[in-house]
């Protein structure tokens, strides 16, 4: 059983739970950002790295929280 871990960024603790469709959209956005970084690594300015990494942390954190909550729901049903 996975314990609940809140991976949301500070200041975002009041955000509403996301749906499976929103989690999928965030995952696609994260994949797109990764593809851009991989395709154009030398065209990203140093000042943009911080913004990009913050966005990636937010997207992946929201997805992780969603998945952990879903795992916990499944564990409650089964156990």
C-alpha atoms as a PDB file:
ATOM      1  CA  UNK A   1       0.000   0.000   0.000  1.00  0.00           C
ATOM      2  CA  UNK A   2       1.329   3.434  -0.914  1.00  0.00           C
ATOM      3  CA  UNK A   3       1.057   6.156   1.701  1.00  0.00           C
ATOM      4  CA  UNK A   4      -0.341   9.527   0.654  1.00  0.00           C
ATOM      5  CA  UNK A   5       2.429  11.925  -0.286  1.00  0.00           C
ATOM      6  CA  UNK A   6       1.542  15.472  -1.283  1.00  0.00           C
ATOM      7  CA  UNK A   7       4.038  16.401  -3.990  1.00  0.00           C
ATOM      8  CA  UNK A   8       2.386  19.671  -4.938  1.00  0.00           C
ATOM      9  CA  UNK A   9       4.523  22.764  -5.008  1.00  0.00           C
ATOM     10  CA  UNK A  10       4.335  25.182  -2.090  1.00  0.00           C
ATOM     11  CA  UNK A  11       1.545  27.648  -2.599  1.00  0.00           C
ATOM     12  CA  UNK A  12      -0.467  25.094  -4.536  1.00  0.00           C
ATOM     13  CA  UNK A  13      -1.711  23.065  -1.586  1.00  0.00           C
ATOM     14  CA  UNK A  14      -5.281  24.214  -2.137  1.00  0.00           C
ATOM     15  CA  UNK A  15      -5.539  22.862  -5.666  1.00  0.00           C
ATOM     16  CA  UNK A  16      -8.465  20.619  -6.519  1.00  0.00           C
ATOM     17  CA  UNK A  17      -7.977  16.944  -7.318  1.00  0.00           C
ATOM     18  CA  UNK A  18      -7.518  16.296 -11.014  1.00  0.00           C
ATOM     19  CA  UNK A  19      -9.390  13.838 -13.211  1.00  0.00           C
ATOM     20  CA  UNK A  20      -7.878  10.970 -15.153  1.00  0.00           C
ATOM     21  CA  UNK A  21      -8.288  13.029 -18.336  1.00  0.00           C
ATOM     22  CA  UNK A  22      -6.431  15.972 -16.793  1.00  0.00           C
ATOM     23  CA  UNK A  23      -3.665  13.628 -15.613  1.00  0.00           C
ATOM     24  CA  UNK A  24      -3.341  12.259 -19.152  1.00  0.00           C
ATOM     25  CA  UNK A  25      -3.198  15.783 -20.587  1.00  0.00           C
ATOM     26  CA  UNK A  26      -0.514  16.801 -18.090  1.00  0.00           C
ATOM     27  CA  UNK A  27       1.485  13.681 -18.967  1.00  0.00           C
ATOM     28  CA  UNK A  28       1.271  14.567 -22.664  1.00  0.00           C
ATOM     29  CA  UNK A  29       2.412  18.124 -21.925  1.00  0.00           C
ATOM     30  CA  UNK A  30       5.342  16.788 -19.915  1.00  0.00           C
ATOM     31  CA  UNK A  31       6.280  14.434 -22.754  1.00  0.00           C
ATOM     32  CA  UNK A  32       6.120  17.319 -25.256  1.00  0.00           C
ATOM     33  CA  UNK A  33       8.404  19.483 -23.088  1.00  0.00           C
ATOM     34  CA  UNK A  34      10.884  16.611 -22.806  1.00  0.00           C
ATOM     35  CA  UNK A  35      10.873  16.137 -26.583  1.00  0.00           C
ATOM     36  CA  UNK A  36      11.553  19.848 -27.113  1.00  0.00           C
ATOM     37  CA  UNK A  37      14.472  19.773 -24.687  1.00  0.00           C
ATOM     38  CA  UNK A  38      15.861  16.661 -26.357  1.00  0.00           C
ATOM     39  CA  UNK A  39      15.470  18.107 -29.862  1.00  0.00           C
ATOM     40  CA  UNK A  40      16.761  21.615 -29.149  1.00  0.00           C
ATOM     41  CA  UNK A  41      19.099  21.391 -26.130  1.00  0.00           C
ATOM     42  CA  UNK A  42      21.397  24.217 -27.230  1.00  0.00           C
ATOM     43  CA  UNK A  43      18.600  26.650 -28.064  1.00  0.00           C
ATOM     44  CA  UNK A  44      17.318  26.879 -24.492  1.00  0.00           C
ATOM     45  CA  UNK A  45      18.575  29.911 -22.612  1.00  0.00           C
ATOM     46  CA  UNK A  46      19.826  29.581 -19.033  1.00  0.00           C
ATOM     47  CA  UNK A  47      17.005  31.812 -17.822  1.00  0.00           C
ATOM     48  CA  UNK A  48      14.472  29.457 -19.413  1.00  0.00           C
ATOM     49  CA  UNK A  49      15.828  26.362 -17.667  1.00  0.00           C
ATOM     50  CA  UNK A  50      14.406  27.430 -14.301  1.00  0.00           C
ATOM     51  CA  UNK A  51      10.975  28.152 -15.762  1.00  0.00           C
ATOM     52  CA  UNK A  52      10.924  24.874 -17.682  1.00  0.00           C
ATOM     53  CA  UNK A  53      12.028  22.836 -14.672  1.00  0.00           C
ATOM     54  CA  UNK A  54       9.371  24.479 -12.475  1.00  0.00           C
ATOM     55  CA  UNK A  55       6.696  23.654 -15.043  1.00  0.00           C
ATOM     56  CA  UNK A  56       7.921  20.069 -15.317  1.00  0.00           C
ATOM     57  CA  UNK A  57       7.909  19.705 -11.525  1.00  0.00           C
ATOM     58  CA  UNK A  58       4.349  21.043 -11.341  1.00  0.00           C
ATOM     59  CA  UNK A  59       3.080  18.747 -14.100  1.00  0.00           C
ATOM     60  CA  UNK A  60       4.830  15.633 -12.794  1.00  0.00           C
ATOM     61  CA  UNK A  61       3.835  16.427  -9.197  1.00  0.00           C
ATOM     62  CA  UNK A  62       0.163  16.698 -10.123  1.00  0.00           C
ATOM     63  CA  UNK A  63       0.372  13.400 -12.006  1.00  0.00           C
ATOM     64  CA  UNK A  64       2.147  11.689  -9.100  1.00  0.00           C
ATOM     65  CA  UNK A  65      -0.456  12.898  -6.589  1.00  0.00           C
ATOM     66  CA  UNK A  66      -3.261  11.684  -8.857  1.00  0.00           C
ATOM     67  CA  UNK A  67      -1.670   8.253  -9.289  1.00  0.00           C
ATOM     68  CA  UNK A  68      -0.941   7.854  -5.566  1.00  0.00           C
ATOM     69  CA  UNK A  69      -4.547   8.747  -4.736  1.00  0.00           C
ATOM     70  CA  UNK A  70      -5.818   6.231  -7.305  1.00  0.00           C
ATOM     71  CA  UNK A  71      -3.532   3.511  -5.909  1.00  0.00           C
ATOM     72  CA  UNK A  72      -4.794   4.242  -2.397  1.00  0.00           C
ATOM     73  CA  UNK A  73      -8.420   4.051  -3.583  1.00  0.00           C
ATOM     74  CA  UNK A  74      -7.730   0.694  -5.245  1.00  0.00           C
ATOM     75  CA  UNK A  75      -6.011  -0.615  -2.119  1.00  0.00           C
ATOM     76  CA  UNK A  76      -8.998   0.393   0.029  1.00  0.00           C
ATOM     77  CA  UNK A  77     -11.405  -1.442  -2.281  1.00  0.00           C
ATOM     78  CA  UNK A  78      -9.262  -4.577  -2.332  1.00  0.00           C
ATOM     79  CA  UNK A  79      -8.324  -4.628   1.297  1.00  0.00           C
END
